[in-house]
N, C-alpha and C. Protein backbone atom coordinates (compact mmCIF):
# COMPACT_ATOMS: atom_id res chain seq x y z
N MET A 1 16.32 -5.31 52.85
CA MET A 1 15.85 -6.34 52.33
C MET A 1 14.24 -6.23 52.03
N ALA A 2 13.72 -6.31 50.95
CA ALA A 2 12.35 -6.23 50.56
C ALA A 2 11.33 -6.90 51.50
N ASN A 3 10.24 -6.34 51.84
CA ASN A 3 9.29 -6.97 52.75
C ASN A 3 7.86 -7.19 52.10
N ILE A 4 8.05 -6.88 50.77
CA ILE A 4 6.86 -7.02 49.83
C ILE A 4 6.95 -8.45 49.15
N LYS A 5 5.86 -9.28 49.17
CA LYS A 5 5.99 -10.63 48.78
C LYS A 5 6.35 -10.59 47.30
N SER A 6 5.64 -9.87 46.55
CA SER A 6 5.98 -9.76 45.02
C SER A 6 7.56 -9.36 44.84
N GLN A 7 8.09 -8.43 45.39
CA GLN A 7 9.33 -7.89 45.46
C GLN A 7 10.62 -8.95 45.94
N ILE A 8 10.03 -9.82 47.01
CA ILE A 8 10.79 -10.96 47.34
C ILE A 8 11.17 -11.90 46.24
N LYS A 9 9.82 -12.18 45.67
CA LYS A 9 10.00 -13.13 44.47
C LYS A 9 10.90 -12.75 43.29
N ARG A 10 10.51 -11.54 43.11
CA ARG A 10 11.63 -10.82 42.16
C ARG A 10 12.91 -10.72 42.22
N ILE A 11 13.07 -10.56 43.47
CA ILE A 11 14.64 -10.88 43.77
C ILE A 11 15.22 -12.04 43.40
N GLY A 12 14.39 -13.17 43.83
CA GLY A 12 14.83 -14.38 43.58
C GLY A 12 14.96 -14.77 41.95
N THR A 13 13.85 -14.45 41.42
CA THR A 13 13.99 -14.62 39.88
C THR A 13 15.05 -13.89 39.15
N ASN A 14 15.28 -12.61 39.46
CA ASN A 14 16.44 -11.88 38.97
C ASN A 14 17.68 -12.65 39.28
N GLU A 15 17.88 -12.98 40.81
CA GLU A 15 19.18 -13.94 40.85
C GLU A 15 19.27 -14.79 39.93
N LYS A 16 18.30 -15.71 39.80
CA LYS A 16 18.36 -16.97 38.95
C LYS A 16 18.69 -16.42 37.49
N ALA A 17 17.95 -15.40 36.94
CA ALA A 17 18.40 -14.82 35.63
C ALA A 17 19.85 -14.44 35.42
N ARG A 18 20.33 -13.86 36.72
CA ARG A 18 21.90 -13.25 36.65
C ARG A 18 22.82 -14.32 36.49
N LEU A 19 22.51 -15.35 37.20
CA LEU A 19 23.52 -16.57 37.24
C LEU A 19 23.44 -17.19 35.90
N ARG A 20 22.36 -17.36 35.42
CA ARG A 20 22.06 -18.01 34.00
C ARG A 20 22.68 -17.09 33.06
N ASN A 21 22.59 -15.94 33.02
CA ASN A 21 23.25 -14.81 32.25
C ASN A 21 24.83 -15.02 32.16
N LYS A 22 25.17 -15.05 33.48
CA LYS A 22 26.72 -15.12 33.71
C LYS A 22 27.25 -16.36 33.17
N ALA A 23 26.64 -17.57 33.12
CA ALA A 23 27.29 -18.72 32.60
C ALA A 23 27.18 -18.74 31.09
N ALA A 24 26.15 -18.08 30.57
CA ALA A 24 26.07 -18.05 29.11
C ALA A 24 27.19 -16.93 28.53
N LYS A 25 27.45 -15.97 29.20
CA LYS A 25 28.46 -14.92 29.02
C LYS A 25 29.91 -15.59 29.13
N ALA A 26 30.12 -16.33 30.17
CA ALA A 26 31.45 -17.05 30.23
C ALA A 26 31.43 -18.20 29.23
N GLU A 27 30.59 -18.78 28.83
CA GLU A 27 30.62 -19.71 27.66
C GLU A 27 31.25 -18.87 26.23
N VAL A 28 30.16 -17.66 26.06
CA VAL A 28 30.67 -17.01 24.72
C VAL A 28 32.06 -16.78 25.09
N LYS A 29 32.47 -16.22 26.19
CA LYS A 29 33.99 -15.55 26.01
C LYS A 29 34.90 -17.03 25.91
N THR A 30 34.62 -18.08 26.23
CA THR A 30 35.45 -19.14 26.31
C THR A 30 35.60 -19.53 24.63
N ARG A 31 34.25 -19.55 24.13
CA ARG A 31 34.33 -19.92 22.57
C ARG A 31 35.14 -19.14 22.01
N VAL A 32 35.03 -17.83 22.18
CA VAL A 32 35.85 -16.86 21.16
C VAL A 32 37.18 -16.99 21.49
N LYS A 33 37.75 -17.32 22.60
CA LYS A 33 39.19 -17.54 22.89
C LYS A 33 39.61 -18.62 22.35
N THR A 34 38.92 -19.69 22.32
CA THR A 34 39.08 -21.13 21.76
C THR A 34 39.10 -20.86 20.34
N ALA A 35 38.31 -20.05 19.58
CA ALA A 35 38.42 -19.74 18.23
C ALA A 35 39.79 -18.97 17.72
N ILE A 36 40.22 -17.96 18.58
CA ILE A 36 41.37 -17.20 18.42
C ILE A 36 42.53 -18.20 18.43
N TYR A 37 42.56 -18.85 19.55
CA TYR A 37 43.97 -19.72 19.89
C TYR A 37 43.99 -20.72 18.70
N ALA A 38 42.76 -21.35 18.11
CA ALA A 38 42.83 -22.33 17.06
C ALA A 38 43.43 -21.48 15.84
N ALA A 39 42.93 -20.34 15.62
CA ALA A 39 43.70 -19.60 14.34
C ALA A 39 44.84 -19.28 14.54
N GLU A 40 45.34 -18.83 15.58
CA GLU A 40 46.80 -18.35 15.86
C GLU A 40 47.78 -19.71 15.65
N SER A 41 47.28 -20.82 16.28
CA SER A 41 48.11 -21.80 16.30
C SER A 41 48.09 -22.94 14.94
N GLY A 42 47.09 -22.40 13.98
CA GLY A 42 46.85 -23.01 12.64
C GLY A 42 46.35 -24.27 12.77
N HIS A 43 45.27 -24.60 13.77
CA HIS A 43 44.59 -25.74 13.97
C HIS A 43 43.72 -26.06 12.78
N GLU A 44 43.86 -27.49 12.48
CA GLU A 44 43.08 -27.95 11.26
C GLU A 44 41.31 -27.62 11.22
N GLU A 45 40.77 -27.50 12.54
CA GLU A 45 39.54 -27.35 12.84
C GLU A 45 39.32 -25.92 13.39
N ALA A 46 40.16 -24.94 12.79
CA ALA A 46 39.92 -23.62 13.47
C ALA A 46 38.74 -23.04 12.85
N ASP A 47 38.14 -23.25 11.69
CA ASP A 47 37.00 -23.00 11.15
C ASP A 47 35.58 -23.40 12.09
N GLU A 48 35.71 -24.70 12.30
CA GLU A 48 34.82 -25.23 13.23
C GLU A 48 34.67 -24.47 14.54
N TYR A 49 35.69 -24.34 15.27
CA TYR A 49 35.82 -23.16 16.42
C TYR A 49 35.09 -22.00 16.30
N LEU A 50 35.41 -21.17 14.92
CA LEU A 50 34.80 -19.93 14.80
C LEU A 50 33.45 -20.21 14.52
N ARG A 51 32.93 -21.24 13.92
CA ARG A 51 31.36 -21.32 13.58
C ARG A 51 30.81 -21.57 14.96
N VAL A 52 31.28 -22.16 15.93
CA VAL A 52 30.60 -22.35 16.99
C VAL A 52 30.72 -21.04 17.81
N ALA A 53 31.68 -20.42 17.79
CA ALA A 53 31.73 -19.28 18.41
C ALA A 53 30.64 -18.07 18.05
N VAL A 54 30.54 -18.26 16.70
CA VAL A 54 29.59 -17.22 16.01
C VAL A 54 28.06 -17.85 16.49
N LYS A 55 27.78 -18.92 16.46
CA LYS A 55 26.64 -19.57 16.97
C LYS A 55 26.35 -19.25 18.28
N ARG A 56 27.29 -19.27 19.28
CA ARG A 56 27.00 -18.86 20.66
C ARG A 56 26.74 -17.44 20.89
N LEU A 57 27.41 -16.49 20.04
CA LEU A 57 26.87 -15.22 20.08
C LEU A 57 25.70 -14.89 19.66
N ASP A 58 25.18 -15.57 18.61
CA ASP A 58 23.81 -15.43 17.95
C ASP A 58 22.80 -15.93 18.91
N LYS A 59 23.07 -16.91 19.47
CA LYS A 59 22.36 -17.61 20.73
C LYS A 59 22.24 -16.48 21.94
N ALA A 60 23.24 -16.02 22.28
CA ALA A 60 23.18 -15.10 23.27
C ALA A 60 22.21 -13.76 23.05
N ALA A 61 22.67 -13.60 21.75
CA ALA A 61 21.68 -12.22 21.47
C ALA A 61 20.08 -12.79 21.19
N ALA A 62 19.95 -13.77 20.76
CA ALA A 62 18.43 -13.99 20.62
C ALA A 62 17.85 -14.26 21.99
N ARG A 63 18.57 -14.69 22.93
CA ARG A 63 17.90 -14.86 24.23
C ARG A 63 17.88 -13.50 25.07
N GLY A 64 18.56 -12.34 24.48
CA GLY A 64 18.63 -11.28 25.20
C GLY A 64 19.92 -11.30 26.45
N ILE A 65 20.51 -12.09 26.45
CA ILE A 65 21.85 -11.87 27.41
C ILE A 65 22.80 -10.84 26.83
N ILE A 66 23.04 -10.53 25.42
CA ILE A 66 23.63 -9.59 25.02
C ILE A 66 22.88 -8.89 23.99
N HIS A 67 23.13 -7.45 23.67
CA HIS A 67 22.42 -6.68 22.76
C HIS A 67 22.75 -7.35 21.35
N ARG A 68 21.78 -7.36 20.44
CA ARG A 68 22.20 -7.87 19.13
C ARG A 68 23.12 -7.03 18.29
N ASN A 69 23.21 -5.82 18.74
CA ASN A 69 24.24 -4.88 17.84
C ASN A 69 25.61 -5.28 18.52
N GLN A 70 25.55 -5.71 19.92
CA GLN A 70 26.73 -5.99 20.51
C GLN A 70 27.21 -7.41 19.92
N ALA A 71 26.50 -8.28 19.74
CA ALA A 71 26.77 -9.63 19.37
C ALA A 71 27.47 -9.51 17.83
N ALA A 72 26.91 -8.45 16.81
CA ALA A 72 27.16 -8.26 15.72
C ALA A 72 28.71 -7.60 15.64
N ASN A 73 28.91 -6.90 16.48
CA ASN A 73 30.32 -6.16 16.64
C ASN A 73 31.01 -7.13 17.07
N ARG A 74 30.86 -8.06 18.00
CA ARG A 74 31.91 -9.14 18.52
C ARG A 74 31.91 -10.24 17.27
N LYS A 75 31.26 -10.29 16.42
CA LYS A 75 31.34 -11.40 15.55
C LYS A 75 32.18 -10.60 14.44
N SER A 76 31.97 -9.44 14.05
CA SER A 76 32.75 -8.55 13.22
C SER A 76 34.15 -8.67 13.50
N ALA A 77 34.41 -8.37 14.67
CA ALA A 77 36.05 -8.28 15.31
C ALA A 77 36.60 -9.40 15.24
N LEU A 78 35.79 -10.75 15.58
CA LEU A 78 36.13 -12.08 15.56
C LEU A 78 36.71 -12.43 14.26
N MET A 79 35.67 -12.14 13.28
CA MET A 79 36.05 -12.38 11.99
C MET A 79 37.01 -11.74 11.54
N HIS A 80 37.29 -10.45 11.77
CA HIS A 80 38.53 -9.74 11.34
C HIS A 80 39.92 -10.60 11.85
N ARG A 81 39.65 -10.67 12.96
CA ARG A 81 41.00 -11.13 13.93
C ARG A 81 41.51 -12.44 13.32
N VAL A 82 40.40 -13.35 13.30
CA VAL A 82 40.68 -14.79 12.70
C VAL A 82 41.19 -14.62 11.10
N ALA A 83 40.72 -13.87 10.16
CA ALA A 83 41.12 -13.70 9.05
C ALA A 83 42.55 -13.07 9.06
N SER A 84 42.90 -12.12 9.93
CA SER A 84 44.33 -11.49 9.70
C SER A 84 45.11 -12.79 10.23
N LEU A 85 44.96 -13.42 11.12
CA LEU A 85 45.91 -14.32 11.65
C LEU A 85 45.85 -15.70 10.83
N SER A 86 44.88 -16.05 10.15
CA SER A 86 44.93 -17.19 9.05
C SER A 86 45.61 -16.72 7.81
N ALA A 87 45.65 -15.30 7.30
CA ALA A 87 46.05 -14.91 6.30
C ALA A 87 47.63 -15.22 5.94
N PRO A 88 48.01 -15.51 4.75
CA PRO A 88 49.26 -15.84 4.55
C PRO A 88 50.05 -14.68 4.50
N ALA A 89 51.42 -15.07 5.17
CA ALA A 89 52.49 -13.43 5.25
C ALA A 89 52.57 -13.17 3.95
N ALA A 90 52.83 -11.70 3.81
CA ALA A 90 52.99 -11.06 2.52
C ALA A 90 54.28 -11.38 2.09
N GLU A 91 54.75 -11.55 0.62
CA GLU A 91 55.79 -12.04 0.06
C GLU A 91 56.95 -10.82 0.51
N PRO A 92 58.16 -11.06 0.60
CA PRO A 92 59.12 -10.01 1.03
C PRO A 92 59.35 -9.26 -0.18
N ASP A 93 59.29 -9.68 -1.47
CA ASP A 93 59.66 -9.01 -2.79
C ASP A 93 58.46 -8.28 -3.06
N ALA A 94 57.32 -8.25 -2.61
CA ALA A 94 56.35 -7.52 -2.99
C ALA A 94 56.25 -6.25 -2.49
N GLU A 95 56.10 -5.03 -3.18
CA GLU A 95 55.90 -3.72 -2.76
C GLU A 95 54.81 -3.53 -1.62
N PRO A 96 55.11 -2.89 -0.51
CA PRO A 96 53.80 -2.57 0.36
C PRO A 96 52.94 -1.78 -0.50
N GLU A 97 51.69 -1.97 -0.02
CA GLU A 97 50.62 -0.93 -0.43
C GLU A 97 50.91 0.41 0.21
N VAL A 98 50.62 1.59 -0.48
CA VAL A 98 50.65 2.92 0.27
C VAL A 98 49.07 3.14 0.26
N PRO A 99 48.62 3.39 1.63
CA PRO A 99 47.11 3.62 1.66
C PRO A 99 46.85 5.20 1.46
N ILE A 100 45.84 5.32 0.89
CA ILE A 100 45.35 6.82 0.42
C ILE A 100 44.96 7.54 1.60
N ALA A 101 45.44 8.61 1.71
CA ALA A 101 45.25 9.67 3.08
C ALA A 101 43.70 9.90 2.91
N ALA A 102 42.98 9.71 4.00
CA ALA A 102 41.66 10.44 4.12
C ALA A 102 41.56 11.82 4.26
N PRO A 103 40.56 12.65 3.78
CA PRO A 103 40.69 14.02 4.32
C PRO A 103 40.33 14.24 5.91
N PRO A 104 40.57 15.36 6.34
CA PRO A 104 40.36 15.47 7.77
C PRO A 104 39.01 15.25 8.36
N ALA A 105 38.56 14.96 9.27
CA ALA A 105 37.13 14.86 9.62
C ALA A 105 36.64 16.46 9.96
N ALA A 106 35.47 16.70 9.50
CA ALA A 106 34.90 17.83 9.73
C ALA A 106 34.09 17.86 11.03
N THR A 107 33.95 18.99 11.83
CA THR A 107 33.09 19.10 12.72
C THR A 107 31.66 19.49 12.61
N ARG A 108 30.95 19.93 13.31
CA ARG A 108 29.48 20.34 13.01
C ARG A 108 29.63 21.48 12.21
N ARG A 109 30.32 22.62 12.57
CA ARG A 109 30.40 23.79 11.95
C ARG A 109 31.31 23.78 10.61
N GLY A 110 31.96 22.50 10.30
CA GLY A 110 32.56 22.59 8.89
C GLY A 110 34.11 22.86 9.15
N ARG A 111 34.53 22.85 10.23
CA ARG A 111 35.93 23.20 10.72
C ARG A 111 36.47 22.00 10.73
N THR A 112 37.90 21.79 10.70
CA THR A 112 38.58 20.64 10.84
C THR A 112 38.83 20.60 12.49
N SER A 113 39.15 19.21 12.87
CA SER A 113 39.46 19.10 14.15
C SER A 113 40.71 19.99 14.74
N THR A 114 41.59 20.34 14.09
CA THR A 114 42.86 21.02 14.35
C THR A 114 42.82 22.48 14.30
N SER A 115 41.40 23.15 13.82
CA SER A 115 41.52 24.46 13.64
C SER A 115 40.51 25.11 14.58
N LYS A 116 40.60 24.91 15.82
CA LYS A 116 39.66 25.67 16.81
C LYS A 116 40.37 26.60 17.38
């Protein structure tokens, strides 16, 4: 335990901030889960739940609870997941799209990852 007065105060403020951040992170997780569940179940207000989840992520980033890049990554993943859940199923008569193969990734020396 600290015996310096300013450090004792700092421990108290850190604990308050930790609890506040913990509550905010929990709310963000809850909102994201609610948005995903609403999209899965086809709820009529799924877009509203998505909007609220994105708003909470933005607020957490603005307050410094999570990093802004982390918020952007989470929003992107959430949008991608909700879009894939709410997209209509492909028609069975349609031919599946064949993806174009990407070239192998090169390493720093120009060799491919398999030619070591």
